[in-house]
Amino acid sequence: MSITVTGRKMPVTEALRQYAEEKIGNSMKVMDIDPLVAEVVLFVEKNPANPRPAVCEVTLRTKGHIVRVEESEEDMYAAIDVAAAKVLRQLRKYKTRVVDRKVRAGVEKAPDAIPATGASLDELMEELADDEVVRVKEIEFEPLTEEEALVKIDLLGHDFFAYTDRDSNLVNVLYRRDDGGYGLLKQVEE
């Protein structure tokens, strides 16, 4: 687990760096994945009309998945706190999906073998029900299965997700339906 804290057009004090590393690091402990890399970018918007100028951007990369959170608050410490809470929610959502996928695939695990997240199943389901908009600047366009695309669309928070189907090598578009659930647009084979 590595955390990089940088400032965009502002110096990052040692106290601010340690605070960001501690808060984001605590949020990342929910995942037991070793190649988990976090980039934290801190900056202050110069617009005097903006009531929340302090911005904290967090980008996590792990095993082909990207989780990105951007939060703005009145001061930098508050922005880091809110961003760390959102990162924790997104990672719990991802972890719950991975565990559910393994159970659905027929991999039988003892209840003790499923990693505990520190929250009950009801709390996790409430967090899964939250709809959040997360802005993403870059995305890897790689061959995926339909199930992997479902995980990615939830992690990214988009209304749609385009990907190449691993089996057919055709372009598919997965989208979130207004009445709940997902729809899938498949390219016609010629």
Protein backbone atom coordinates (compact mmCIF):
# COMPACT_ATOMS: atom_id res chain seq x y z
CA MET A 1 0.00 0.00 0.00
CA SER A 2 1.61 3.25 -1.12
CA ILE A 3 0.22 6.78 -0.78
CA THR A 4 1.58 9.78 -2.68
CA VAL A 5 0.50 13.24 -1.49
CA THR A 6 1.16 16.21 -3.77
CA GLY A 7 -0.01 19.78 -4.02
CA ARG A 8 -1.13 21.52 -7.19
CA LYS A 9 0.23 25.10 -7.18
CA MET A 10 0.56 25.02 -3.40
CA PRO A 11 3.11 23.72 -0.89
CA VAL A 12 2.10 20.70 1.17
CA THR A 13 3.25 20.99 4.77
CA GLU A 14 4.55 17.95 6.60
CA ALA A 15 1.56 18.04 8.99
CA LEU A 16 -0.90 18.11 6.09
CA ARG A 17 0.97 15.27 4.34
CA GLN A 18 0.91 13.09 7.46
CA TYR A 19 -2.78 13.83 8.06
CA ALA A 20 -3.69 12.88 4.46
CA GLU A 21 -1.58 9.71 4.58
CA GLU A 22 -3.14 8.67 7.90
CA LYS A 23 -6.77 9.32 6.87
CA ILE A 24 -6.54 7.79 3.38
CA GLY A 25 -4.41 4.91 4.74
CA ASN A 26 -7.05 4.08 7.34
CA SER A 27 -9.71 4.03 4.61
CA MET A 28 -7.56 1.74 2.46
CA LYS A 29 -7.16 -0.83 5.26
CA VAL A 30 -10.61 -2.22 4.36
CA MET A 31 -8.95 -3.86 1.33
CA ASP A 32 -6.48 -6.68 1.81
CA ILE A 33 -5.00 -6.27 -1.68
CA ASP A 34 -1.27 -5.66 -1.87
CA PRO A 35 -0.83 -3.63 -5.07
CA LEU A 36 -3.08 -0.82 -3.82
CA VAL A 37 -1.71 2.57 -4.91
CA ALA A 38 -3.23 5.91 -3.87
CA GLU A 39 -2.49 9.35 -5.28
CA VAL A 40 -3.75 12.32 -3.28
CA VAL A 41 -3.71 15.76 -4.91
CA LEU A 42 -4.47 18.82 -2.81
CA PHE A 43 -5.18 22.27 -4.20
CA VAL A 44 -7.03 25.49 -3.44
CA GLU A 45 -9.31 27.08 -6.03
CA LYS A 46 -8.69 30.80 -6.41
CA ASN A 47 -12.29 31.81 -7.16
CA PRO A 48 -13.36 34.20 -4.34
CA ALA A 49 -17.05 33.35 -4.95
CA ASN A 50 -16.47 29.67 -4.14
CA PRO A 51 -17.46 28.98 -0.51
CA ARG A 52 -15.51 25.68 -0.47
CA PRO A 53 -12.13 26.34 -2.13
CA ALA A 54 -10.05 23.50 -0.59
CA VAL A 55 -10.08 20.44 -2.88
CA CYS A 56 -8.81 16.91 -2.22
CA GLU A 57 -8.62 14.45 -5.14
CA VAL A 58 -7.94 10.78 -4.39
CA THR A 59 -7.24 8.18 -7.09
CA LEU A 60 -6.83 4.51 -6.11
CA ARG A 61 -5.56 1.88 -8.53
CA THR A 62 -5.75 -1.82 -7.79
CA LYS A 63 -5.81 -4.92 -10.00
CA GLY A 64 -7.32 -3.18 -13.03
CA HIS A 65 -9.86 -1.08 -11.12
CA ILE A 66 -9.78 2.65 -10.48
CA VAL A 67 -11.62 4.43 -7.66
CA ARG A 68 -11.62 8.22 -7.89
CA VAL A 69 -13.02 10.71 -5.38
CA GLU A 70 -12.93 14.51 -5.43
CA GLU A 71 -14.19 16.59 -2.51
CA SER A 72 -14.14 20.30 -1.75
CA GLU A 73 -14.64 21.90 1.65
CA GLU A 74 -13.91 25.12 3.52
CA ASP A 75 -10.50 23.94 4.74
CA MET A 76 -8.08 21.26 3.55
CA TYR A 77 -8.40 19.02 6.63
CA ALA A 78 -12.19 18.84 6.23
CA ALA A 79 -11.79 18.04 2.51
CA ILE A 80 -9.41 15.19 3.37
CA ASP A 81 -11.85 13.83 5.97
CA VAL A 82 -14.80 13.81 3.54
CA ALA A 83 -12.69 12.29 0.73
CA ALA A 84 -11.43 9.53 3.06
CA ALA A 85 -15.02 8.67 4.04
CA LYS A 86 -16.04 8.44 0.37
CA VAL A 87 -13.01 6.28 -0.44
CA LEU A 88 -13.99 3.93 2.38
CA ARG A 89 -17.56 3.69 1.04
CA GLN A 90 -16.37 2.99 -2.52
CA LEU A 91 -13.90 0.32 -1.39
CA ARG A 92 -16.54 -1.40 0.74
CA LYS A 93 -18.89 -1.40 -2.24
CA TYR A 94 -16.16 -2.94 -4.42
CA LYS A 95 -15.24 -5.53 -1.77
CA THR A 96 -18.90 -6.51 -1.27
CA ARG A 97 -19.31 -7.01 -5.02
CA VAL A 98 -16.17 -9.16 -5.22
CA VAL A 99 -17.32 -11.34 -2.31
CA ASP A 100 -20.84 -11.67 -3.80
CA ARG A 101 -19.38 -12.61 -7.19
CA LYS A 102 -17.27 -15.38 -5.64
CA VAL A 103 -20.28 -16.74 -3.76
CA ARG A 104 -22.44 -16.67 -6.93
CA ALA A 105 -19.70 -18.43 -8.90
CA GLY A 106 -20.08 -21.44 -6.62
CA VAL A 107 -16.93 -20.95 -4.57
CA GLU A 108 -18.06 -22.14 -1.17
CA LYS A 109 -16.44 -20.34 1.73
CA ALA A 110 -16.94 -20.79 5.42
CA PRO A 111 -18.52 -17.72 7.08
CA ASP A 112 -15.28 -17.20 9.03
CA ALA A 113 -13.28 -17.02 5.77
CA ILE A 114 -15.13 -13.99 4.42
CA PRO A 115 -13.18 -10.90 5.49
CA ALA A 116 -15.01 -8.66 7.95
CA THR A 117 -15.39 -5.00 7.03
CA GLY A 118 -16.39 -3.78 10.47
CA ALA A 119 -20.00 -3.13 9.42
CA SER A 120 -23.12 -5.25 9.32
CA LEU A 121 -24.66 -6.47 6.07
CA ASP A 122 -27.54 -3.99 6.43
CA GLU A 123 -25.12 -1.06 6.67
CA LEU A 124 -23.24 -2.28 3.59
CA MET A 125 -26.47 -2.63 1.61
CA GLU A 126 -27.46 0.93 2.57
CA GLU A 127 -24.11 2.15 1.30
CA LEU A 128 -24.63 0.23 -1.95
CA ALA A 129 -27.98 1.98 -2.40
CA ASP A 130 -26.35 5.43 -2.30
CA ASP A 131 -26.03 6.93 -5.76
CA GLU A 132 -22.93 9.07 -6.04
CA VAL A 133 -21.52 10.92 -9.01
CA VAL A 134 -17.76 10.48 -9.28
CA ARG A 135 -15.86 12.32 -12.02
CA VAL A 136 -13.23 10.26 -13.84
CA LYS A 137 -10.57 11.73 -16.09
CA GLU A 138 -9.14 8.53 -17.54
CA ILE A 139 -10.29 4.96 -18.04
CA GLU A 140 -8.63 1.84 -19.39
CA PHE A 141 -10.42 0.38 -22.41
CA GLU A 142 -9.73 -3.33 -22.08
CA PRO A 143 -11.56 -6.58 -22.83
CA LEU A 144 -13.95 -7.40 -19.96
CA THR A 145 -16.74 -9.79 -19.08
CA GLU A 146 -20.22 -8.45 -18.38
CA GLU A 147 -19.77 -9.01 -14.64
CA GLU A 148 -16.46 -7.11 -14.58
CA ALA A 149 -18.13 -4.23 -16.44
CA LEU A 150 -20.88 -4.15 -13.77
CA VAL A 151 -18.23 -3.76 -11.08
CA LYS A 152 -16.48 -1.00 -13.04
CA ILE A 153 -19.67 1.00 -13.71
CA ASP A 154 -20.43 1.00 -9.96
CA LEU A 155 -16.88 1.94 -9.00
CA LEU A 156 -16.78 4.79 -11.49
CA GLY A 157 -20.30 6.01 -10.74
CA HIS A 158 -21.17 6.58 -14.40
CA ASP A 159 -24.59 6.18 -16.03
CA PHE A 160 -23.02 4.14 -18.82
CA PHE A 161 -19.82 2.19 -19.48
CA ALA A 162 -18.47 1.11 -22.88
CA TYR A 163 -16.18 -1.91 -23.07
CA THR A 164 -14.95 -4.64 -25.39
CA ASP A 165 -16.54 -8.02 -24.66
CA ARG A 166 -13.81 -10.55 -23.83
CA ASP A 167 -15.56 -13.45 -25.59
CA SER A 168 -16.79 -11.82 -28.82
CA ASN A 169 -14.32 -8.88 -29.13
CA LEU A 170 -17.30 -6.64 -29.94
CA VAL A 171 -18.13 -3.31 -28.32
CA ASN A 172 -20.86 -3.37 -25.64
CA VAL A 173 -22.39 -0.49 -23.71
CA LEU A 174 -23.69 -1.10 -20.20
CA TYR A 175 -26.08 1.56 -18.88
CA ARG A 176 -27.98 2.27 -15.68
CA ARG A 177 -31.78 2.25 -16.20
CA ASP A 178 -34.01 4.94 -14.65
CA ASP A 179 -36.38 2.30 -13.25
CA GLY A 180 -33.51 0.40 -11.61
CA GLY A 181 -31.16 -2.28 -12.84
CA TYR A 182 -28.92 -2.19 -15.88
CA GLY A 183 -29.31 -2.44 -19.62
CA LEU A 184 -26.81 -3.82 -22.11
CA LEU A 185 -26.41 -2.69 -25.72
CA LYS A 186 -24.59 -5.31 -27.81
CA GLN A 187 -23.01 -4.74 -31.18
CA VAL A 188 -24.51 -6.89 -33.93
CA GLU A 189 -22.10 -9.42 -35.40
CA GLU A 190 -21.83 -9.02 -39.16
